[in-house]
Amino acid sequence: MSTVVSAKIPKELKKKADKYGIKIGKLLREALKKKIRVLENQMLSSELDDLCSKIGPKIRKDDIVKAVRSSRDER
């Protein structure tokens, strides 16, 4: 399911996008996905830092990251 999102842009910008064959909808979807991925990674990194500080120095952040990656690779 999808939803419609609209944005106002200057006419000149729209003309240039058309001139260069830029698909605005596709570009916006890709940019939004990329931004969300960055924000989610920042949030997960912050949560991982909090977790590491709670469990102490015995387990390093790198060890947790390696364990998660290893688990994902096994799938």
C-alpha atoms as a PDB file:
ATOM      1  CA  MET A   1       0.000   0.000   0.000  1.00  0.00           C
ATOM      2  CA  SER A   2       1.239   3.473  -0.703  1.00  0.00           C
ATOM      3  CA  THR A   3       0.319   7.037   0.074  1.00  0.00           C
ATOM      4  CA  VAL A   4       0.591  10.253  -1.883  1.00  0.00           C
ATOM      5  CA  VAL A   5       3.000  12.955  -0.758  1.00  0.00           C
ATOM      6  CA  SER A   6       3.243  16.254  -2.572  1.00  0.00           C
ATOM      7  CA  ALA A   7       5.906  18.927  -2.581  1.00  0.00           C
ATOM      8  CA  LYS A   8       6.021  22.369  -4.117  1.00  0.00           C
ATOM      9  CA  ILE A   9       9.115  23.168  -6.123  1.00  0.00           C
ATOM     10  CA  PRO A  10       9.968  26.198  -8.240  1.00  0.00           C
ATOM     11  CA  LYS A  11       8.857  25.957 -11.896  1.00  0.00           C
ATOM     12  CA  GLU A  12      12.434  26.442 -13.070  1.00  0.00           C
ATOM     13  CA  LEU A  13      13.573  23.462 -11.010  1.00  0.00           C
ATOM     14  CA  LYS A  14      10.808  21.313 -12.511  1.00  0.00           C
ATOM     15  CA  LYS A  15      11.802  22.413 -16.022  1.00  0.00           C
ATOM     16  CA  LYS A  16      15.420  21.462 -15.381  1.00  0.00           C
ATOM     17  CA  ALA A  17      14.398  18.094 -13.949  1.00  0.00           C
ATOM     18  CA  ASP A  18      12.336  17.432 -17.072  1.00  0.00           C
ATOM     19  CA  LYS A  19      15.193  18.582 -19.297  1.00  0.00           C
ATOM     20  CA  TYR A  20      17.571  16.078 -17.727  1.00  0.00           C
ATOM     21  CA  GLY A  21      15.021  13.273 -17.542  1.00  0.00           C
ATOM     22  CA  ILE A  22      14.966  13.183 -13.754  1.00  0.00           C
ATOM     23  CA  LYS A  23      12.082  11.169 -12.359  1.00  0.00           C
ATOM     24  CA  ILE A  24      11.209  13.280  -9.328  1.00  0.00           C
ATOM     25  CA  GLY A  25       9.060  10.656  -7.610  1.00  0.00           C
ATOM     26  CA  LYS A  26      11.745   7.991  -7.932  1.00  0.00           C
ATOM     27  CA  LEU A  27      14.427  10.405  -6.736  1.00  0.00           C
ATOM     28  CA  LEU A  28      12.382  11.403  -3.686  1.00  0.00           C
ATOM     29  CA  ARG A  29      11.675   7.762  -2.763  1.00  0.00           C
ATOM     30  CA  GLU A  30      15.374   6.875  -3.004  1.00  0.00           C
ATOM     31  CA  ALA A  31      16.456   9.940  -1.018  1.00  0.00           C
ATOM     32  CA  LEU A  32      13.863   9.229   1.678  1.00  0.00           C
ATOM     33  CA  LYS A  33      14.941   5.582   1.957  1.00  0.00           C
ATOM     34  CA  LYS A  34      18.580   6.638   2.256  1.00  0.00           C
ATOM     35  CA  LYS A  35      17.819   9.248   4.931  1.00  0.00           C
ATOM     36  CA  ILE A  36      15.739   6.776   6.946  1.00  0.00           C
ATOM     37  CA  ARG A  37      18.525   4.175   6.713  1.00  0.00           C
ATOM     38  CA  VAL A  38      21.058   6.711   8.026  1.00  0.00           C
ATOM     39  CA  LEU A  39      18.789   7.744  10.920  1.00  0.00           C
ATOM     40  CA  GLU A  40      18.017   4.129  11.838  1.00  0.00           C
ATOM     41  CA  ASN A  41      21.727   3.285  11.841  1.00  0.00           C
ATOM     42  CA  GLN A  42      22.439   6.276  14.082  1.00  0.00           C
ATOM     43  CA  MET A  43      19.671   5.217  16.457  1.00  0.00           C
ATOM     44  CA  LEU A  44      20.916   1.617  16.566  1.00  0.00           C
ATOM     45  CA  SER A  45      24.482   2.765  17.163  1.00  0.00           C
ATOM     46  CA  SER A  46      23.318   4.943  20.039  1.00  0.00           C
ATOM     47  CA  GLU A  47      21.316   2.074  21.534  1.00  0.00           C
ATOM     48  CA  LEU A  48      24.328  -0.209  21.164  1.00  0.00           C
ATOM     49  CA  ASP A  49      26.513   2.339  22.957  1.00  0.00           C
ATOM     50  CA  ASP A  50      23.970   2.474  25.794  1.00  0.00           C
ATOM     51  CA  LEU A  51      23.881  -1.313  25.992  1.00  0.00           C
ATOM     52  CA  CYS A  52      27.674  -1.559  26.043  1.00  0.00           C
ATOM     53  CA  SER A  53      27.892   0.958  28.858  1.00  0.00           C
ATOM     54  CA  LYS A  54      25.383  -1.072  30.896  1.00  0.00           C
ATOM     55  CA  ILE A  55      27.051  -4.457  30.456  1.00  0.00           C
ATOM     56  CA  GLY A  56      30.488  -3.130  31.256  1.00  0.00           C
ATOM     57  CA  PRO A  57      33.945  -3.427  29.783  1.00  0.00           C
ATOM     58  CA  LYS A  58      33.881  -7.228  29.453  1.00  0.00           C
ATOM     59  CA  ILE A  59      32.132  -7.097  26.066  1.00  0.00           C
ATOM     60  CA  ARG A  60      33.262  -4.598  23.455  1.00  0.00           C
ATOM     61  CA  LYS A  61      30.983  -2.927  20.930  1.00  0.00           C
ATOM     62  CA  ASP A  62      32.982  -4.477  18.073  1.00  0.00           C
ATOM     63  CA  ASP A  63      32.347  -7.967  19.485  1.00  0.00           C
ATOM     64  CA  ILE A  64      28.588  -7.374  19.525  1.00  0.00           C
ATOM     65  CA  VAL A  65      28.632  -6.028  15.957  1.00  0.00           C
ATOM     66  CA  LYS A  66      30.637  -9.057  14.765  1.00  0.00           C
ATOM     67  CA  ALA A  67      28.226 -11.445  16.493  1.00  0.00           C
ATOM     68  CA  VAL A  68      25.201  -9.801  14.875  1.00  0.00           C
ATOM     69  CA  ARG A  69      26.820  -9.829  11.422  1.00  0.00           C
ATOM     70  CA  SER A  70      27.832 -13.453  11.828  1.00  0.00           C
ATOM     71  CA  SER A  71      24.291 -14.380  12.818  1.00  0.00           C
ATOM     72  CA  ARG A  72      22.879 -12.571   9.776  1.00  0.00           C
ATOM     73  CA  ASP A  73      25.362 -14.261   7.431  1.00  0.00           C
ATOM     74  CA  GLU A  74      24.254 -17.703   8.634  1.00  0.00           C
ATOM     75  CA  ARG A  75      20.709 -17.110   7.374  1.00  0.00           C
END
